[in-house]
N, C-alpha and C. Protein backbone atom coordinates (compact mmCIF):
# COMPACT_ATOMS: atom_id res chain seq x y z
N UNK A 1 10.44 -20.11 -7.84
CA UNK A 1 9.27 -19.27 -7.71
C UNK A 1 9.71 -17.91 -7.16
N UNK A 2 9.19 -16.86 -7.73
CA UNK A 2 9.55 -15.50 -7.33
C UNK A 2 8.89 -15.15 -6.00
N UNK A 3 9.61 -14.40 -5.18
CA UNK A 3 9.07 -13.93 -3.91
C UNK A 3 8.21 -12.71 -4.17
N UNK A 4 7.02 -12.71 -3.61
CA UNK A 4 6.13 -11.57 -3.73
C UNK A 4 6.36 -10.65 -2.54
N UNK A 5 6.36 -9.36 -2.81
CA UNK A 5 6.61 -8.39 -1.76
C UNK A 5 5.44 -7.45 -1.60
N UNK A 6 5.23 -7.03 -0.35
CA UNK A 6 4.34 -5.92 -0.06
C UNK A 6 5.18 -4.66 -0.17
N UNK A 7 4.66 -3.63 -0.79
CA UNK A 7 5.36 -2.36 -0.93
C UNK A 7 4.52 -1.29 -0.25
N UNK A 8 5.15 -0.47 0.58
CA UNK A 8 4.45 0.63 1.23
C UNK A 8 4.40 1.82 0.28
N UNK A 9 3.21 2.35 0.06
CA UNK A 9 3.04 3.50 -0.84
C UNK A 9 3.66 4.76 -0.24
N UNK A 10 3.73 4.85 1.08
CA UNK A 10 4.17 6.07 1.73
C UNK A 10 5.70 6.13 1.88
N UNK A 11 6.31 5.09 2.45
CA UNK A 11 7.75 5.14 2.72
C UNK A 11 8.58 4.27 1.79
N UNK A 12 7.93 3.41 1.01
CA UNK A 12 8.66 2.56 0.08
C UNK A 12 9.19 1.27 0.68
N UNK A 13 8.89 0.99 1.93
CA UNK A 13 9.35 -0.24 2.58
C UNK A 13 8.86 -1.47 1.82
N UNK A 14 9.71 -2.49 1.75
CA UNK A 14 9.34 -3.76 1.13
C UNK A 14 9.43 -4.86 2.17
N UNK A 15 8.47 -5.78 2.13
CA UNK A 15 8.47 -6.92 3.03
C UNK A 15 7.89 -8.10 2.29
N UNK A 16 8.46 -9.27 2.50
CA UNK A 16 7.93 -10.48 1.86
C UNK A 16 6.47 -10.65 2.24
N UNK A 17 5.65 -10.94 1.26
CA UNK A 17 4.22 -11.11 1.48
C UNK A 17 3.96 -12.47 2.10
N UNK A 18 3.17 -12.49 3.13
CA UNK A 18 2.79 -13.72 3.80
C UNK A 18 1.49 -13.48 4.55
N UNK A 19 0.89 -14.55 5.00
CA UNK A 19 -0.40 -14.44 5.67
C UNK A 19 -0.32 -13.55 6.91
N UNK A 20 0.69 -13.77 7.76
CA UNK A 20 0.81 -12.97 8.98
C UNK A 20 1.27 -11.56 8.70
N UNK A 21 2.28 -11.40 7.87
CA UNK A 21 2.79 -10.06 7.59
C UNK A 21 1.76 -9.22 6.85
N UNK A 22 1.06 -9.81 5.91
CA UNK A 22 0.06 -9.07 5.14
C UNK A 22 -1.09 -8.58 5.99
N UNK A 23 -1.43 -9.31 7.04
CA UNK A 23 -2.54 -8.92 7.90
C UNK A 23 -2.24 -7.65 8.69
N UNK A 24 -0.97 -7.37 8.95
CA UNK A 24 -0.60 -6.19 9.73
C UNK A 24 -0.58 -4.92 8.89
N UNK A 25 -0.53 -5.06 7.58
CA UNK A 25 -0.44 -3.91 6.69
C UNK A 25 -1.82 -3.32 6.44
N UNK A 26 -1.86 -2.01 6.27
CA UNK A 26 -3.10 -1.32 5.95
C UNK A 26 -3.35 -1.38 4.45
N UNK A 27 -4.61 -1.44 4.08
CA UNK A 27 -4.96 -1.41 2.66
C UNK A 27 -6.19 -0.54 2.47
N UNK A 28 -6.22 0.15 1.36
CA UNK A 28 -7.36 0.99 1.02
C UNK A 28 -7.55 0.94 -0.49
N UNK A 29 -8.75 1.19 -0.93
CA UNK A 29 -9.02 1.12 -2.36
C UNK A 29 -8.78 2.47 -3.03
N UNK A 30 -8.43 2.39 -4.28
CA UNK A 30 -8.28 3.59 -5.10
C UNK A 30 -9.66 4.03 -5.58
N UNK A 31 -9.80 5.29 -5.98
CA UNK A 31 -11.08 5.73 -6.53
C UNK A 31 -11.46 4.91 -7.76
N UNK A 32 -12.73 4.76 -8.00
CA UNK A 32 -13.22 4.01 -9.15
C UNK A 32 -12.65 4.57 -10.44
N UNK A 33 -12.11 3.69 -11.25
CA UNK A 33 -11.56 4.09 -12.54
C UNK A 33 -10.13 4.58 -12.50
N UNK A 34 -9.56 4.69 -11.30
CA UNK A 34 -8.17 5.16 -11.18
C UNK A 34 -7.22 4.07 -11.67
N UNK A 35 -6.26 4.46 -12.47
CA UNK A 35 -5.24 3.53 -12.95
C UNK A 35 -3.88 4.14 -12.68
N UNK A 36 -3.03 3.36 -12.04
CA UNK A 36 -1.70 3.84 -11.73
C UNK A 36 -0.72 2.68 -11.73
N UNK A 37 0.49 2.95 -12.14
CA UNK A 37 1.56 1.96 -12.12
C UNK A 37 2.46 2.26 -10.93
N UNK A 38 2.33 1.48 -9.88
CA UNK A 38 3.14 1.68 -8.68
C UNK A 38 3.26 0.33 -7.99
N UNK A 39 4.43 0.00 -7.43
CA UNK A 39 4.59 -1.31 -6.79
C UNK A 39 3.68 -1.53 -5.58
N UNK A 40 3.18 -0.46 -4.97
CA UNK A 40 2.31 -0.60 -3.80
C UNK A 40 0.86 -0.85 -4.19
N UNK A 41 0.56 -0.84 -5.48
CA UNK A 41 -0.81 -1.02 -5.96
C UNK A 41 -0.96 -2.40 -6.59
N UNK A 42 -1.98 -3.12 -6.15
CA UNK A 42 -2.36 -4.39 -6.78
C UNK A 42 -3.84 -4.30 -7.10
N UNK A 43 -4.14 -4.31 -8.37
CA UNK A 43 -5.53 -4.13 -8.78
C UNK A 43 -5.98 -2.73 -8.42
N UNK A 44 -6.95 -2.62 -7.53
CA UNK A 44 -7.43 -1.31 -7.09
C UNK A 44 -7.12 -1.06 -5.62
N UNK A 45 -6.18 -1.83 -5.06
CA UNK A 45 -5.84 -1.72 -3.64
C UNK A 45 -4.43 -1.19 -3.48
N UNK A 46 -4.27 -0.22 -2.59
CA UNK A 46 -2.95 0.34 -2.28
C UNK A 46 -2.63 -0.01 -0.83
N UNK A 47 -1.36 -0.35 -0.56
CA UNK A 47 -0.95 -0.83 0.77
C UNK A 47 -0.03 0.16 1.46
N UNK A 48 -0.06 0.13 2.80
CA UNK A 48 0.85 0.93 3.63
C UNK A 48 1.33 0.06 4.79
N UNK A 49 2.60 0.22 5.15
CA UNK A 49 3.20 -0.60 6.21
C UNK A 49 2.63 -0.22 7.58
N UNK A 50 2.77 -1.11 8.56
CA UNK A 50 2.24 -0.82 9.90
C UNK A 50 2.82 0.45 10.52
N UNK A 51 4.08 0.75 10.26
CA UNK A 51 4.70 1.96 10.82
C UNK A 51 4.01 3.21 10.29
N UNK A 52 3.80 3.28 8.97
CA UNK A 52 3.16 4.46 8.38
C UNK A 52 1.70 4.57 8.81
N UNK A 53 1.02 3.44 8.93
CA UNK A 53 -0.37 3.44 9.38
C UNK A 53 -0.44 3.99 10.81
N UNK A 54 0.51 3.62 11.65
CA UNK A 54 0.52 4.08 13.04
C UNK A 54 0.90 5.55 13.19
N UNK A 55 1.71 6.05 12.27
CA UNK A 55 2.19 7.44 12.37
C UNK A 55 1.22 8.46 11.78
N UNK A 56 0.43 8.05 10.80
CA UNK A 56 -0.41 8.99 10.05
C UNK A 56 -1.88 8.60 10.21
N UNK A 57 -2.62 9.42 10.92
CA UNK A 57 -4.03 9.14 11.16
C UNK A 57 -4.83 9.07 9.85
N UNK A 58 -4.45 9.88 8.88
CA UNK A 58 -5.13 9.90 7.58
C UNK A 58 -4.28 9.19 6.52
N UNK A 59 -3.71 8.03 6.87
CA UNK A 59 -2.81 7.33 5.96
C UNK A 59 -3.47 6.92 4.64
N UNK A 60 -4.78 6.61 4.58
CA UNK A 60 -5.35 6.26 3.27
C UNK A 60 -5.21 7.39 2.24
N UNK A 61 -5.45 8.63 2.68
CA UNK A 61 -5.31 9.77 1.77
C UNK A 61 -3.85 9.97 1.38
N UNK A 62 -2.95 9.83 2.34
CA UNK A 62 -1.52 9.97 2.07
C UNK A 62 -1.05 8.90 1.10
N UNK A 63 -1.50 7.67 1.28
CA UNK A 63 -1.11 6.57 0.40
C UNK A 63 -1.63 6.79 -1.02
N UNK A 64 -2.88 7.21 -1.15
CA UNK A 64 -3.44 7.48 -2.49
C UNK A 64 -2.67 8.59 -3.18
N UNK A 65 -2.32 9.64 -2.44
CA UNK A 65 -1.56 10.75 -3.01
C UNK A 65 -0.17 10.29 -3.44
N UNK A 66 0.44 9.41 -2.66
CA UNK A 66 1.79 8.94 -2.96
C UNK A 66 1.85 8.15 -4.27
N UNK A 67 0.76 7.50 -4.63
CA UNK A 67 0.75 6.73 -5.88
C UNK A 67 0.14 7.52 -7.03
N UNK A 68 -0.19 8.79 -6.76
CA UNK A 68 -0.71 9.66 -7.82
C UNK A 68 -2.19 9.52 -8.08
N UNK A 69 -2.93 9.15 -7.05
CA UNK A 69 -4.37 8.97 -7.23
C UNK A 69 -5.14 9.58 -6.07
N UNK A 70 -4.84 10.82 -5.74
CA UNK A 70 -5.49 11.49 -4.60
C UNK A 70 -6.89 11.95 -4.94
């Protein structure tokens, strides 16, 4: 079985997806109708690691811009 990873849209960090690790990561939705091919995007949700969430007060906007959907 393949290991699923969380990918940070801002810094590119990868971490194995799990119940505890996934809960610490930030997630925000993309604008309606936005379509992008990026490892940090699953469906309409983009993820950011705890470090980036802690460093950037406006991390949702930064994450959306990083995947090309600002």
